[in-house]
C-alpha atoms as a PDB file:
ATOM      1  CA  MET A   1     -16.373 -10.984 -38.556  1.00  0.00           C
ATOM      2  CA  LYS A   2     -13.463  -8.817 -37.080  1.00  0.00           C
ATOM      3  CA  ARG A   3     -11.391 -10.269 -34.798  1.00  0.00           C
ATOM      4  CA  TYR A   4      -9.463  -7.854 -32.716  1.00  0.00           C
ATOM      5  CA  GLU A   5     -11.486  -4.949 -30.412  1.00  0.00           C
ATOM      6  CA  ARG A   6      -9.336  -1.496 -30.200  1.00  0.00           C
ATOM      7  CA  LEU A   7      -9.519   0.855 -27.027  1.00  0.00           C
ATOM      8  CA  SER A   8      -7.702   3.768 -25.725  1.00  0.00           C
ATOM      9  CA  PHE A   9      -8.105   4.377 -21.943  1.00  0.00           C
ATOM     10  CA  ASP A  10      -8.428   8.460 -22.923  1.00  0.00           C
ATOM     11  CA  GLU A  11     -10.669   7.434 -24.998  1.00  0.00           C
ATOM     12  CA  ILE A  12     -13.076   5.463 -21.750  1.00  0.00           C
ATOM     13  CA  PRO A  13     -14.836   7.851 -19.830  1.00  0.00           C
ATOM     14  CA  PRO A  14     -13.829   7.659 -15.809  1.00  0.00           C
ATOM     15  CA  VAL A  15     -15.504   5.820 -13.674  1.00  0.00           C
ATOM     16  CA  ASP A  16     -15.138   6.625  -9.870  1.00  0.00           C
ATOM     17  CA  CYS A  17     -15.428   2.398  -7.988  1.00  0.00           C
ATOM     18  CA  CYS A  18     -14.232   2.084  -4.400  1.00  0.00           C
ATOM     19  CA  CYS A  19     -10.259   1.801  -5.426  1.00  0.00           C
ATOM     20  CA  GLY A  20      -9.913   4.877  -6.929  1.00  0.00           C
ATOM     21  CA  THR A  21     -10.487   6.063 -11.095  1.00  0.00           C
ATOM     22  CA  THR A  22     -10.813   3.562 -13.048  1.00  0.00           C
ATOM     23  CA  ARG A  23     -11.141   2.746 -17.327  1.00  0.00           C
ATOM     24  CA  ARG A  24     -12.522  -0.089 -17.705  1.00  0.00           C
ATOM     25  CA  ALA A  25     -12.178  -1.962 -21.654  1.00  0.00           C
ATOM     26  CA  PHE A  26     -13.332  -4.904 -22.444  1.00  0.00           C
ATOM     27  CA  ALA A  27     -16.494  -4.616 -19.779  1.00  0.00           C
ATOM     28  CA  ASP A  28     -19.447  -3.923 -22.442  1.00  0.00           C
ATOM     29  CA  LEU A  29     -18.397  -6.337 -24.541  1.00  0.00           C
ATOM     30  CA  GLU A  30     -21.330  -8.786 -24.581  1.00  0.00           C
ATOM     31  CA  ASP A  31     -17.909 -11.802 -25.610  1.00  0.00           C
ATOM     32  CA  ALA A  32     -14.830 -10.379 -24.153  1.00  0.00           C
ATOM     33  CA  PRO A  33     -13.351 -13.128 -21.208  1.00  0.00           C
ATOM     34  CA  ALA A  34     -11.492 -10.246 -18.975  1.00  0.00           C
ATOM     35  CA  SER A  35     -11.459  -6.157 -18.784  1.00  0.00           C
ATOM     36  CA  VAL A  36      -8.956  -4.170 -18.876  1.00  0.00           C
ATOM     37  CA  HIS A  37      -9.168  -1.498 -16.382  1.00  0.00           C
ATOM     38  CA  TYR A  38      -6.469   1.909 -15.896  1.00  0.00           C
ATOM     39  CA  LEU A  39      -6.802   2.698 -12.235  1.00  0.00           C
ATOM     40  CA  ASP A  40      -5.473   5.928 -10.312  1.00  0.00           C
ATOM     41  CA  VAL A  41      -5.580   5.163  -6.737  1.00  0.00           C
ATOM     42  CA  ALA A  42      -7.230   6.484  -4.314  1.00  0.00           C
ATOM     43  CA  ASP A  43      -6.037   7.767  -0.686  1.00  0.00           C
ATOM     44  CA  GLU A  44      -8.167   5.232   1.269  1.00  0.00           C
ATOM     45  CA  PRO A  45      -9.188   1.887  -1.080  1.00  0.00           C
ATOM     46  CA  THR A  46     -11.989   0.172  -0.063  1.00  0.00           C
ATOM     47  CA  CYS A  47     -10.978  -3.651   1.125  1.00  0.00           C
ATOM     48  CA  HIS A  48     -12.843  -5.668  -0.677  1.00  0.00           C
ATOM     49  CA  TYR A  49     -12.804  -9.563  -2.191  1.00  0.00           C
ATOM     50  CA  HIS A  50     -14.759 -11.320  -5.181  1.00  0.00           C
ATOM     51  CA  ARG A  51     -16.217 -14.236  -5.142  1.00  0.00           C
ATOM     52  CA  LYS A  52     -15.210 -15.359  -8.726  1.00  0.00           C
ATOM     53  CA  THR A  53     -13.355 -12.984 -10.613  1.00  0.00           C
ATOM     54  CA  THR A  54      -9.156 -13.769 -10.429  1.00  0.00           C
ATOM     55  CA  GLU A  55      -7.514  -9.682 -11.311  1.00  0.00           C
ATOM     56  CA  ILE A  56      -3.935  -9.253 -12.205  1.00  0.00           C
ATOM     57  CA  TYR A  57      -2.503  -6.033 -11.067  1.00  0.00           C
ATOM     58  CA  VAL A  58       0.510  -4.400 -13.380  1.00  0.00           C
ATOM     59  CA  ILE A  59       2.320  -1.347 -11.374  1.00  0.00           C
ATOM     60  CA  LEU A  60       2.667   1.200 -14.171  1.00  0.00           C
ATOM     61  CA  GLU A  61       3.173   4.255 -11.677  1.00  0.00           C
ATOM     62  CA  GLY A  62       4.622   4.850  -7.879  1.00  0.00           C
ATOM     63  CA  GLU A  63       5.133   2.879  -5.357  1.00  0.00           C
ATOM     64  CA  GLY A  64       2.713   0.923  -2.308  1.00  0.00           C
ATOM     65  CA  ALA A  65       1.687  -1.785  -1.335  1.00  0.00           C
ATOM     66  CA  LEU A  66      -1.447  -4.107  -1.873  1.00  0.00           C
ATOM     67  CA  GLU A  67      -2.932  -5.796   0.940  1.00  0.00           C
ATOM     68  CA  LEU A  68      -3.602  -9.123  -0.047  1.00  0.00           C
ATOM     69  CA  ASP A  69      -5.884 -11.034   3.247  1.00  0.00           C
ATOM     70  CA  GLY A  70      -4.496  -8.720   5.697  1.00  0.00           C
ATOM     71  CA  GLU A  71      -0.202  -8.871   4.065  1.00  0.00           C
ATOM     72  CA  MET A  72       1.241  -5.739   3.470  1.00  0.00           C
ATOM     73  CA  VAL A  73       2.832  -6.589   0.567  1.00  0.00           C
ATOM     74  CA  PRO A  74       5.430  -4.391  -1.430  1.00  0.00           C
ATOM     75  CA  VAL A  75       4.748  -2.264  -5.453  1.00  0.00           C
ATOM     76  CA  GLY A  76       6.530  -0.271  -7.582  1.00  0.00           C
ATOM     77  CA  PRO A  77       6.753   0.074 -11.132  1.00  0.00           C
ATOM     78  CA  LEU A  78       6.637  -3.451 -13.051  1.00  0.00           C
ATOM     79  CA  SER A  79       5.341  -5.216 -10.176  1.00  0.00           C
ATOM     80  CA  THR A  80       2.284  -7.837 -11.285  1.00  0.00           C
ATOM     81  CA  VAL A  81       0.136  -9.569  -8.457  1.00  0.00           C
ATOM     82  CA  LEU A  82      -2.482 -12.098  -8.599  1.00  0.00           C
ATOM     83  CA  ILE A  83      -5.380 -11.982  -6.401  1.00  0.00           C
ATOM     84  CA  ARG A  84      -7.517 -15.096  -6.607  1.00  0.00           C
ATOM     85  CA  PRO A  85     -10.991 -15.695  -5.769  1.00  0.00           C
ATOM     86  CA  GLY A  86     -11.869 -14.919  -1.773  1.00  0.00           C
ATOM     87  CA  CYS A  87      -8.777 -12.502  -1.010  1.00  0.00           C
ATOM     88  CA  ARG A  88      -9.499  -9.434   0.637  1.00  0.00           C
ATOM     89  CA  HIS A  89      -7.658  -6.516  -1.315  1.00  0.00           C
ATOM     90  CA  ARG A  90      -6.437  -2.972  -1.941  1.00  0.00           C
ATOM     91  CA  ALA A  91      -4.357  -0.533  -2.709  1.00  0.00           C
ATOM     92  CA  VAL A  92      -2.543   0.976  -0.309  1.00  0.00           C
ATOM     93  CA  GLY A  93      -0.417   4.723  -2.367  1.00  0.00           C
ATOM     94  CA  LYS A  94       0.062   6.569  -5.043  1.00  0.00           C
ATOM     95  CA  MET A  95      -0.048   4.840  -7.841  1.00  0.00           C
ATOM     96  CA  LYS A  96      -1.458   4.544 -11.438  1.00  0.00           C
ATOM     97  CA  LEU A  97      -2.153  -0.242 -12.078  1.00  0.00           C
ATOM     98  CA  LEU A  98      -3.705  -2.248 -14.629  1.00  0.00           C
ATOM     99  CA  ASN A  99      -6.089  -3.956 -13.309  1.00  0.00           C
ATOM    100  CA  ILE A 100      -7.173  -7.598 -15.499  1.00  0.00           C
ATOM    101  CA  PRO A 101     -10.550  -9.212 -13.901  1.00  0.00           C
ATOM    102  CA  ILE A 102     -10.959 -12.515 -15.062  1.00  0.00           C
ATOM    103  CA  PRO A 103     -13.334 -12.945 -16.046  1.00  0.00           C
ATOM    104  CA  LYS A 104     -15.073  -9.309 -16.874  1.00  0.00           C
ATOM    105  CA  HIS A 105     -15.907  -6.808 -14.706  1.00  0.00           C
ATOM    106  CA  ASP A 106     -19.015  -7.727 -12.984  1.00  0.00           C
ATOM    107  CA  ASP A 107     -20.879  -5.382 -10.651  1.00  0.00           C
ATOM    108  CA  SER A 108     -22.172  -8.090  -8.396  1.00  0.00           C
ATOM    109  CA  ASP A 109     -18.761 -10.333  -7.940  1.00  0.00           C
ATOM    110  CA  PHE A 110     -17.950  -7.277  -5.057  1.00  0.00           C
ATOM    111  CA  PHE A 111     -18.153  -7.864  -1.337  1.00  0.00           C
ATOM    112  CA  TYR A 112     -16.694  -6.028   1.671  1.00  0.00           C
ATOM    113  CA  GLU A 113     -16.615  -6.306   5.134  1.00  0.00           C
ATOM    114  CA  GLU A 114     -18.645  -5.249   7.356  1.00  0.00           C
ATOM    115  CA  ASP A 115     -17.304  -2.862   9.343  1.00  0.00           C
ATOM    116  CA  ALA A 116     -15.480  -1.655   6.442  1.00  0.00           C
ATOM    117  CA  VAL A 117     -18.171   0.858   5.194  1.00  0.00           C
ATOM    118  CA  GLU A 118     -20.429   2.334   6.059  1.00  0.00           C
ATOM    119  CA  ALA A 119     -23.989   1.792   7.818  1.00  0.00           C
ATOM    120  CA  GLY A 120     -26.507   2.222   4.561  1.00  0.00           C
ATOM    121  CA  GLU A 121     -23.399   3.316   2.084  1.00  0.00           C
ATOM    122  CA  THR A 122     -22.318   1.507  -0.393  1.00  0.00           C
ATOM    123  CA  PRO A 123     -19.141   1.344  -1.617  1.00  0.00           C
ATOM    124  CA  GLN A 124     -19.199   2.275  -5.803  1.00  0.00           C
ATOM    125  CA  HIS A 125     -17.363  -0.051  -7.944  1.00  0.00           C
END
């Protein structure tokens, strides 16, 4: 039995999400303990939080800030930030980053403030 998986982000179709455009590696593997996302940050990403998921952001390109529980934290290339469950967050600025969710990506673990989205609208994740 093979004990590894290999993927290339350029072979993974992009998906629109509340943060921008992402390519999700290992999210579809049933036994994967984590996934890795290559994220191109949108101009105005939606602030959100997770109840179970810890995320690690690694900034690859660009500069800006991460809004973390209302605090603007400056980031640039090779900055890395650990975001614990419950922390409201979004990236602000033109950036490309790796996002490592632990456990792996789960659509049901995305939550938004009531005023973060327009009535009747559900952000993609």
